[in-house]
Amino acid sequence: MLTRHILAHFSSEMRSRSGLATDAEIEHEENKPTAMTRDKKNVSDLIGIKLPSKGVWKKILRSTINKYWTYELQEKAKSKSSLSSLNTTILEIGTVHPVWESASQSLLDVRKSMIKARMLTGTYLVQADKYKFSQYKINATCLLCQREDEDLTHVLTFCPALRETRMKYFLPLKILVTNIIGCKGWEQLFNNNQNIVALLLDFSVFHNLQNLSKTQKMNVESLTRDFCYKIHICRLQLLKNLENK
């Protein structure tokens, strides 16, 4: 009998602490007979568990829910080929991704972040994508240089038509990162186009760059955001020029 009273009171008290108890339940709890109240007046003592306060209970509940959905988010992201450039281990419910966290509220910064986010999530459309979506009817070759298929790696690291813009906005980034990890570290990490793309889109994949100060992270993110945006604008303008010929 006592066990049933304990469980009933425990359930009612937990609903009350989590904000789920109705006014009727609370009033009923307060007006129960004295004898019954003596049996279960202190559920914490009866079951040997100290119940958390309402504020602590909400934090525990929120944390548990966030952990569950963070796990679901990371697992789902790993299965998406379009998110291969994204470091899924830093994805967390309730936490803003660095692409957006480092951006100001200015319209230009928002536009820059949008372009980089599209590149990072595989939604930035290049000729190779058009080739796939058209069921292989559209040529995948880069319209600007005609040298190879235009995928994102080609746009960011190779296309000769974008070379001037690429060199102008990549050099400050290289200098900044080299000052952080040294010339030897740069040569070891960024000796191939795949790693350079990773640096431009999500540098958190590199262990050498995970322990940067907040200022350093903001600076790297700002320069990579500028780079992606300038490459996008230059490519867009050159494509428009081709259409107008």
C-alpha atoms as a PDB file:
ATOM      1  CA  MET A   1       0.000   0.000   0.000  1.00  0.00           C
ATOM      2  CA  LEU A   2       2.771   2.376   0.946  1.00  0.00           C
ATOM      3  CA  THR A   3       4.637   1.565  -2.267  1.00  0.00           C
ATOM      4  CA  ARG A   4       1.604   2.524  -4.356  1.00  0.00           C
ATOM      5  CA  HIS A   5       1.297   5.787  -2.437  1.00  0.00           C
ATOM      6  CA  ILE A   6       4.980   6.530  -2.971  1.00  0.00           C
ATOM      7  CA  LEU A   7       4.813   5.903  -6.718  1.00  0.00           C
ATOM      8  CA  ALA A   8       1.636   7.941  -7.123  1.00  0.00           C
ATOM      9  CA  HIS A   9       3.045  10.853  -5.167  1.00  0.00           C
ATOM     10  CA  PHE A  10       6.401  10.622  -6.956  1.00  0.00           C
ATOM     11  CA  SER A  11       4.672  10.766 -10.359  1.00  0.00           C
ATOM     12  CA  SER A  12       2.569  13.748  -9.301  1.00  0.00           C
ATOM     13  CA  GLU A  13       5.541  15.615  -7.871  1.00  0.00           C
ATOM     14  CA  MET A  14       7.684  15.042 -10.974  1.00  0.00           C
ATOM     15  CA  ARG A  15       4.894  16.371 -13.205  1.00  0.00           C
ATOM     16  CA  SER A  16       4.618  19.392 -10.973  1.00  0.00           C
ATOM     17  CA  ARG A  17       8.357  20.060 -11.093  1.00  0.00           C
ATOM     18  CA  SER A  18       8.502  19.737 -14.874  1.00  0.00           C
ATOM     19  CA  GLY A  19       5.627  22.198 -15.260  1.00  0.00           C
ATOM     20  CA  LEU A  20       3.243  19.497 -16.524  1.00  0.00           C
ATOM     21  CA  ALA A  21       0.919  19.308 -13.506  1.00  0.00           C
ATOM     22  CA  THR A  22      -2.521  20.850 -13.914  1.00  0.00           C
ATOM     23  CA  ASP A  23      -4.023  23.271 -11.405  1.00  0.00           C
ATOM     24  CA  ALA A  24      -6.506  20.575 -10.367  1.00  0.00           C
ATOM     25  CA  GLU A  25      -3.708  18.115  -9.618  1.00  0.00           C
ATOM     26  CA  ILE A  26      -1.828  20.659  -7.535  1.00  0.00           C
ATOM     27  CA  GLU A  27      -4.958  21.614  -5.564  1.00  0.00           C
ATOM     28  CA  HIS A  28      -5.795  17.944  -5.012  1.00  0.00           C
ATOM     29  CA  GLU A  29      -2.276  17.301  -3.749  1.00  0.00           C
ATOM     30  CA  GLU A  30      -2.469  20.195  -1.290  1.00  0.00           C
ATOM     31  CA  ASN A  31      -5.895  19.157   0.087  1.00  0.00           C
ATOM     32  CA  LYS A  32      -5.207  15.459   0.708  1.00  0.00           C
ATOM     33  CA  PRO A  33      -6.056  14.045   4.182  1.00  0.00           C
ATOM     34  CA  THR A  34      -3.456  14.455   6.891  1.00  0.00           C
ATOM     35  CA  ALA A  35      -3.050  10.717   7.435  1.00  0.00           C
ATOM     36  CA  MET A  36      -2.255  10.151   3.788  1.00  0.00           C
ATOM     37  CA  THR A  37       0.104  13.100   3.775  1.00  0.00           C
ATOM     38  CA  ARG A  38       2.007  11.637   6.733  1.00  0.00           C
ATOM     39  CA  ASP A  39       2.581   8.453   4.732  1.00  0.00           C
ATOM     40  CA  LYS A  40       4.188  10.276   1.876  1.00  0.00           C
ATOM     41  CA  LYS A  41       4.895  13.799   3.040  1.00  0.00           C
ATOM     42  CA  ASN A  42       8.518  13.519   1.982  1.00  0.00           C
ATOM     43  CA  VAL A  43       8.930  11.307  -1.052  1.00  0.00           C
ATOM     44  CA  SER A  44      12.630  12.126  -1.184  1.00  0.00           C
ATOM     45  CA  ASP A  45      13.166  10.511   2.230  1.00  0.00           C
ATOM     46  CA  LEU A  46      10.917   7.544   1.464  1.00  0.00           C
ATOM     47  CA  ILE A  47      12.663   6.469  -1.724  1.00  0.00           C
ATOM     48  CA  GLY A  48      16.106   7.734  -0.792  1.00  0.00           C
ATOM     49  CA  ILE A  49      16.393  10.024  -3.802  1.00  0.00           C
ATOM     50  CA  LYS A  50      16.749  13.776  -3.642  1.00  0.00           C
ATOM     51  CA  LEU A  51      14.535  15.276  -6.315  1.00  0.00           C
ATOM     52  CA  PRO A  52      16.022  18.136  -8.352  1.00  0.00           C
ATOM     53  CA  SER A  53      14.567  21.613  -8.275  1.00  0.00           C
ATOM     54  CA  LYS A  54      12.308  22.726 -11.111  1.00  0.00           C
ATOM     55  CA  GLY A  55      15.124  24.731 -12.716  1.00  0.00           C
ATOM     56  CA  VAL A  56      17.593  21.837 -12.520  1.00  0.00           C
ATOM     57  CA  TRP A  57      14.955  19.426 -13.803  1.00  0.00           C
ATOM     58  CA  LYS A  58      14.349  21.604 -16.869  1.00  0.00           C
ATOM     59  CA  LYS A  59      18.092  21.738 -17.578  1.00  0.00           C
ATOM     60  CA  ILE A  60      18.372  17.958 -17.307  1.00  0.00           C
ATOM     61  CA  LEU A  61      15.385  17.491 -19.595  1.00  0.00           C
ATOM     62  CA  ARG A  62      16.674  19.988 -22.167  1.00  0.00           C
ATOM     63  CA  SER A  63      20.162  18.453 -22.123  1.00  0.00           C
ATOM     64  CA  THR A  64      18.809  14.927 -22.589  1.00  0.00           C
ATOM     65  CA  ILE A  65      16.594  15.962 -25.499  1.00  0.00           C
ATOM     66  CA  ASN A  66      19.445  17.891 -27.164  1.00  0.00           C
ATOM     67  CA  LYS A  67      21.827  14.933 -26.814  1.00  0.00           C
ATOM     68  CA  TYR A  68      19.317  12.618 -28.450  1.00  0.00           C
ATOM     69  CA  TRP A  69      18.680  14.896 -31.434  1.00  0.00           C
ATOM     70  CA  THR A  70      22.382  15.734 -31.748  1.00  0.00           C
ATOM     71  CA  TYR A  71      23.119  12.031 -32.149  1.00  0.00           C
ATOM     72  CA  GLU A  72      20.303  11.672 -34.700  1.00  0.00           C
ATOM     73  CA  LEU A  73      21.559  14.726 -36.610  1.00  0.00           C
ATOM     74  CA  GLN A  74      25.160  13.528 -36.732  1.00  0.00           C
ATOM     75  CA  GLU A  75      24.223  10.010 -37.825  1.00  0.00           C
ATOM     76  CA  LYS A  76      21.932  11.270 -40.570  1.00  0.00           C
ATOM     77  CA  ALA A  77      24.539  13.781 -41.775  1.00  0.00           C
ATOM     78  CA  LYS A  78      27.149  11.017 -42.059  1.00  0.00           C
ATOM     79  CA  SER A  79      24.900   9.134 -44.464  1.00  0.00           C
ATOM     80  CA  LYS A  80      24.542  12.078 -46.871  1.00  0.00           C
ATOM     81  CA  SER A  81      27.148  12.169 -49.638  1.00  0.00           C
ATOM     82  CA  SER A  82      26.370  15.845 -50.246  1.00  0.00           C
ATOM     83  CA  LEU A  83      27.664  16.603 -46.729  1.00  0.00           C
ATOM     84  CA  SER A  84      31.041  14.929 -47.220  1.00  0.00           C
ATOM     85  CA  SER A  85      32.848  18.251 -46.650  1.00  0.00           C
ATOM     86  CA  LEU A  86      31.034  18.860 -43.363  1.00  0.00           C
ATOM     87  CA  ASN A  87      32.637  17.931 -40.043  1.00  0.00           C
ATOM     88  CA  THR A  88      29.648  16.152 -38.526  1.00  0.00           C
ATOM     89  CA  THR A  89      31.313  15.745 -35.115  1.00  0.00           C
ATOM     90  CA  ILE A  90      30.833  19.436 -34.298  1.00  0.00           C
ATOM     91  CA  LEU A  91      27.140  19.456 -35.180  1.00  0.00           C
ATOM     92  CA  GLU A  92      25.147  19.999 -32.017  1.00  0.00           C
ATOM     93  CA  ILE A  93      21.523  20.892 -31.350  1.00  0.00           C
ATOM     94  CA  GLY A  94      21.330  24.348 -29.808  1.00  0.00           C
ATOM     95  CA  THR A  95      24.772  25.382 -31.118  1.00  0.00           C
ATOM     96  CA  VAL A  96      25.277  27.688 -34.111  1.00  0.00           C
ATOM     97  CA  HIS A  97      27.639  26.376 -36.804  1.00  0.00           C
ATOM     98  CA  PRO A  98      30.858  28.430 -37.225  1.00  0.00           C
ATOM     99  CA  VAL A  99      29.786  29.472 -40.743  1.00  0.00           C
ATOM    100  CA  TRP A 100      26.996  31.530 -39.186  1.00  0.00           C
ATOM    101  CA  GLU A 101      28.415  32.166 -35.720  1.00  0.00           C
ATOM    102  CA  SER A 102      31.296  34.248 -37.047  1.00  0.00           C
ATOM    103  CA  ALA A 103      29.167  36.353 -39.409  1.00  0.00           C
ATOM    104  CA  SER A 104      27.896  39.794 -38.524  1.00  0.00           C
ATOM    105  CA  GLN A 105      24.313  40.879 -39.145  1.00  0.00           C
ATOM    106  CA  SER A 106      25.240  42.929 -42.195  1.00  0.00           C
ATOM    107  CA  LEU A 107      23.529  41.939 -45.435  1.00  0.00           C
ATOM    108  CA  LEU A 108      26.875  41.322 -47.150  1.00  0.00           C
ATOM    109  CA  ASP A 109      28.101  38.987 -44.415  1.00  0.00           C
ATOM    110  CA  VAL A 110      24.832  37.078 -44.539  1.00  0.00           C
ATOM    111  CA  ARG A 111      25.199  36.666 -48.304  1.00  0.00           C
ATOM    112  CA  LYS A 112      28.779  35.467 -47.910  1.00  0.00           C
ATOM    113  CA  SER A 113      27.712  32.924 -45.299  1.00  0.00           C
ATOM    114  CA  MET A 114      24.878  31.713 -47.523  1.00  0.00           C
ATOM    115  CA  ILE A 115      27.259  31.035 -50.414  1.00  0.00           C
ATOM    116  CA  LYS A 116      29.733  29.191 -48.199  1.00  0.00           C
ATOM    117  CA  ALA A 117      26.929  27.221 -46.527  1.00  0.00           C
ATOM    118  CA  ARG A 118      25.663  26.131 -49.954  1.00  0.00           C
ATOM    119  CA  MET A 119      29.134  24.962 -50.930  1.00  0.00           C
ATOM    120  CA  LEU A 120      29.551  23.165 -47.612  1.00  0.00           C
ATOM    121  CA  THR A 121      26.221  21.355 -47.847  1.00  0.00           C
ATOM    122  CA  GLY A 122      26.489  20.354 -51.499  1.00  0.00           C
ATOM    123  CA  THR A 123      23.730  22.663 -52.726  1.00  0.00           C
ATOM    124  CA  TYR A 124      25.968  25.012 -54.725  1.00  0.00           C
ATOM    125  CA  LEU A 125      25.158  24.172 -58.346  1.00  0.00           C
ATOM    126  CA  VAL A 126      28.085  23.609 -60.727  1.00  0.00           C
ATOM    127  CA  GLN A 127      28.253  22.097 -64.215  1.00  0.00           C
ATOM    128  CA  ALA A 128      28.846  18.563 -62.920  1.00  0.00           C
ATOM    129  CA  ASP A 129      25.590  18.794 -60.961  1.00  0.00           C
ATOM    130  CA  LYS A 130      23.679  19.979 -64.020  1.00  0.00           C
ATOM    131  CA  TYR A 131      25.122  17.000 -65.882  1.00  0.00           C
ATOM    132  CA  LYS A 132      23.686  14.591 -63.281  1.00  0.00           C
ATOM    133  CA  PHE A 133      20.323  16.320 -62.954  1.00  0.00           C
ATOM    134  CA  SER A 134      19.815  16.443 -66.736  1.00  0.00           C
ATOM    135  CA  GLN A 135      20.307  12.667 -66.979  1.00  0.00           C
ATOM    136  CA  TYR A 136      23.669  13.257 -68.641  1.00  0.00           C
ATOM    137  CA  LYS A 137      22.309  15.448 -71.439  1.00  0.00           C
ATOM    138  CA  ILE A 138      24.222  18.573 -70.370  1.00  0.00           C
ATOM    139  CA  ASN A 139      27.999  18.570 -70.693  1.00  0.00           C
ATOM    140  CA  ALA A 140      29.842  18.503 -67.348  1.00  0.00           C
ATOM    141  CA  THR A 141      32.881  20.332 -68.750  1.00  0.00           C
ATOM    142  CA  CYS A 142      33.663  23.722 -67.220  1.00  0.00           C
ATOM    143  CA  LEU A 143      32.224  26.452 -69.437  1.00  0.00           C
ATOM    144  CA  LEU A 144      34.917  28.921 -68.393  1.00  0.00           C
ATOM    145  CA  CYS A 145      38.082  26.963 -69.192  1.00  0.00           C
ATOM    146  CA  GLN A 146      36.880  23.893 -71.149  1.00  0.00           C
ATOM    147  CA  ARG A 147      39.658  21.827 -69.542  1.00  0.00           C
ATOM    148  CA  GLU A 148      37.869  19.395 -67.231  1.00  0.00           C
ATOM    149  CA  ASP A 149      34.567  18.684 -65.517  1.00  0.00           C
ATOM    150  CA  GLU A 150      33.433  21.515 -63.296  1.00  0.00           C
ATOM    151  CA  ASP A 151      32.918  20.253 -59.759  1.00  0.00           C
ATOM    152  CA  LEU A 152      33.395  22.318 -56.604  1.00  0.00           C
ATOM    153  CA  THR A 153      37.043  21.325 -56.265  1.00  0.00           C
ATOM    154  CA  HIS A 154      37.661  22.580 -59.799  1.00  0.00           C
ATOM    155  CA  VAL A 155      35.974  25.901 -59.019  1.00  0.00           C
ATOM    156  CA  LEU A 156      37.809  26.490 -55.745  1.00  0.00           C
ATOM    157  CA  THR A 157      41.288  25.223 -56.588  1.00  0.00           C
ATOM    158  CA  PHE A 158      41.953  24.843 -60.299  1.00  0.00           C
ATOM    159  CA  CYS A 159      39.902  26.740 -62.892  1.00  0.00           C
ATOM    160  CA  PRO A 160      42.369  29.039 -64.736  1.00  0.00           C
ATOM    161  CA  ALA A 161      39.618  31.574 -65.442  1.00  0.00           C
ATOM    162  CA  LEU A 162      39.323  32.193 -61.693  1.00  0.00           C
ATOM    163  CA  ARG A 163      43.051  32.173 -60.975  1.00  0.00           C
ATOM    164  CA  GLU A 164      43.503  35.908 -60.394  1.00  0.00           C
ATOM    165  CA  THR A 165      40.660  36.104 -57.886  1.00  0.00           C
ATOM    166  CA  ARG A 166      41.778  32.856 -56.257  1.00  0.00           C
ATOM    167  CA  MET A 167      45.340  34.041 -55.687  1.00  0.00           C
ATOM    168  CA  LYS A 168      44.243  37.431 -54.374  1.00  0.00           C
ATOM    169  CA  TYR A 169      41.950  36.063 -51.677  1.00  0.00           C
ATOM    170  CA  PHE A 170      43.761  32.820 -50.871  1.00  0.00           C
ATOM    171  CA  LEU A 171      47.112  34.423 -50.014  1.00  0.00           C
ATOM    172  CA  PRO A 172      45.882  36.193 -46.824  1.00  0.00           C
ATOM    173  CA  LEU A 173      44.384  32.898 -45.641  1.00  0.00           C
ATOM    174  CA  LYS A 174      47.604  31.016 -46.307  1.00  0.00           C
ATOM    175  CA  ILE A 175      49.627  33.620 -44.409  1.00  0.00           C
ATOM    176  CA  LEU A 176      47.270  33.486 -41.416  1.00  0.00           C
ATOM    177  CA  VAL A 177      47.220  29.683 -41.186  1.00  0.00           C
ATOM    178  CA  THR A 178      50.982  29.444 -41.735  1.00  0.00           C
ATOM    179  CA  ASN A 179      51.549  31.836 -38.840  1.00  0.00           C
ATOM    180  CA  ILE A 180      49.485  29.491 -36.669  1.00  0.00           C
ATOM    181  CA  ILE A 181      50.824  26.058 -37.653  1.00  0.00           C
ATOM    182  CA  GLY A 182      54.148  27.001 -39.276  1.00  0.00           C
ATOM    183  CA  CYS A 183      55.445  26.516 -42.810  1.00  0.00           C
ATOM    184  CA  LYS A 184      56.171  22.829 -42.220  1.00  0.00           C
ATOM    185  CA  GLY A 185      52.661  22.272 -40.896  1.00  0.00           C
ATOM    186  CA  TRP A 186      51.213  23.971 -43.962  1.00  0.00           C
ATOM    187  CA  GLU A 187      53.282  21.859 -46.357  1.00  0.00           C
ATOM    188  CA  GLN A 188      52.261  18.649 -44.606  1.00  0.00           C
ATOM    189  CA  LEU A 189      48.551  19.429 -44.450  1.00  0.00           C
ATOM    190  CA  PHE A 190      47.770  21.375 -47.580  1.00  0.00           C
ATOM    191  CA  ASN A 191      49.745  19.618 -50.282  1.00  0.00           C
ATOM    192  CA  ASN A 192      46.643  18.497 -52.203  1.00  0.00           C
ATOM    193  CA  ASN A 193      43.460  20.085 -53.489  1.00  0.00           C
ATOM    194  CA  GLN A 194      41.189  17.935 -51.334  1.00  0.00           C
ATOM    195  CA  ASN A 195      42.661  19.322 -48.107  1.00  0.00           C
ATOM    196  CA  ILE A 196      42.615  22.864 -49.444  1.00  0.00           C
ATOM    197  CA  VAL A 197      38.886  22.501 -50.138  1.00  0.00           C
ATOM    198  CA  ALA A 198      38.443  21.182 -46.591  1.00  0.00           C
ATOM    199  CA  LEU A 199      40.288  24.225 -45.241  1.00  0.00           C
ATOM    200  CA  LEU A 200      38.067  26.564 -47.228  1.00  0.00           C
ATOM    201  CA  LEU A 201      34.778  24.912 -46.290  1.00  0.00           C
ATOM    202  CA  ASP A 202      35.240  23.457 -42.787  1.00  0.00           C
ATOM    203  CA  PHE A 203      38.708  23.753 -41.261  1.00  0.00           C
ATOM    204  CA  SER A 204      37.558  22.070 -38.023  1.00  0.00           C
ATOM    205  CA  VAL A 205      38.324  18.683 -39.629  1.00  0.00           C
ATOM    206  CA  PHE A 206      42.024  19.349 -39.035  1.00  0.00           C
ATOM    207  CA  HIS A 207      43.265  18.522 -35.529  1.00  0.00           C
ATOM    208  CA  ASN A 208      45.993  21.183 -35.855  1.00  0.00           C
ATOM    209  CA  LEU A 209      43.301  23.845 -36.199  1.00  0.00           C
ATOM    210  CA  GLN A 210      40.850  22.655 -33.544  1.00  0.00           C
ATOM    211  CA  ASN A 211      42.537  24.343 -30.583  1.00  0.00           C
ATOM    212  CA  LEU A 212      42.666  27.844 -32.024  1.00  0.00           C
ATOM    213  CA  SER A 213      41.632  30.806 -29.933  1.00  0.00           C
ATOM    214  CA  LYS A 214      38.207  32.258 -30.617  1.00  0.00           C
ATOM    215  CA  THR A 215      39.805  35.224 -32.399  1.00  0.00           C
ATOM    216  CA  GLN A 216      41.900  32.956 -34.623  1.00  0.00           C
ATOM    217  CA  LYS A 217      38.866  30.855 -35.525  1.00  0.00           C
ATOM    218  CA  MET A 218      36.879  33.976 -36.368  1.00  0.00           C
ATOM    219  CA  ASN A 219      39.714  35.263 -38.566  1.00  0.00           C
ATOM    220  CA  VAL A 220      40.083  31.979 -40.459  1.00  0.00           C
ATOM    221  CA  GLU A 221      36.329  31.718 -40.910  1.00  0.00           C
ATOM    222  CA  SER A 222      36.131  35.309 -42.135  1.00  0.00           C
ATOM    223  CA  LEU A 223      38.864  34.816 -44.746  1.00  0.00           C
ATOM    224  CA  THR A 224      37.419  31.538 -46.030  1.00  0.00           C
ATOM    225  CA  ARG A 225      33.987  33.133 -46.236  1.00  0.00           C
ATOM    226  CA  ASP A 226      35.416  36.024 -48.259  1.00  0.00           C
ATOM    227  CA  PHE A 227      37.271  33.625 -50.545  1.00  0.00           C
ATOM    228  CA  CYS A 228      34.206  31.511 -51.351  1.00  0.00           C
ATOM    229  CA  TYR A 229      32.093  34.592 -51.976  1.00  0.00           C
ATOM    230  CA  LYS A 230      34.613  36.299 -54.260  1.00  0.00           C
ATOM    231  CA  ILE A 231      35.092  33.119 -56.286  1.00  0.00           C
ATOM    232  CA  HIS A 232      31.312  32.826 -56.608  1.00  0.00           C
ATOM    233  CA  ILE A 233      30.916  36.443 -57.781  1.00  0.00           C
ATOM    234  CA  CYS A 234      33.774  36.157 -60.282  1.00  0.00           C
ATOM    235  CA  ARG A 235      32.428  32.881 -61.697  1.00  0.00           C
ATOM    236  CA  LEU A 236      28.922  34.312 -61.954  1.00  0.00           C
ATOM    237  CA  GLN A 237      30.139  37.381 -63.830  1.00  0.00           C
ATOM    238  CA  LEU A 238      32.226  35.337 -66.269  1.00  0.00           C
ATOM    239  CA  LEU A 239      29.283  33.034 -66.992  1.00  0.00           C
ATOM    240  CA  LYS A 240      27.067  36.051 -67.675  1.00  0.00           C
ATOM    241  CA  ASN A 241      29.694  37.413 -70.048  1.00  0.00           C
ATOM    242  CA  LEU A 242      29.628  34.112 -71.949  1.00  0.00           C
ATOM    243  CA  GLU A 243      25.850  34.247 -72.252  1.00  0.00           C
ATOM    244  CA  ASN A 244      25.974  37.782 -73.648  1.00  0.00           C
ATOM    245  CA  LYS A 245      28.451  36.931 -76.390  1.00  0.00           C
END
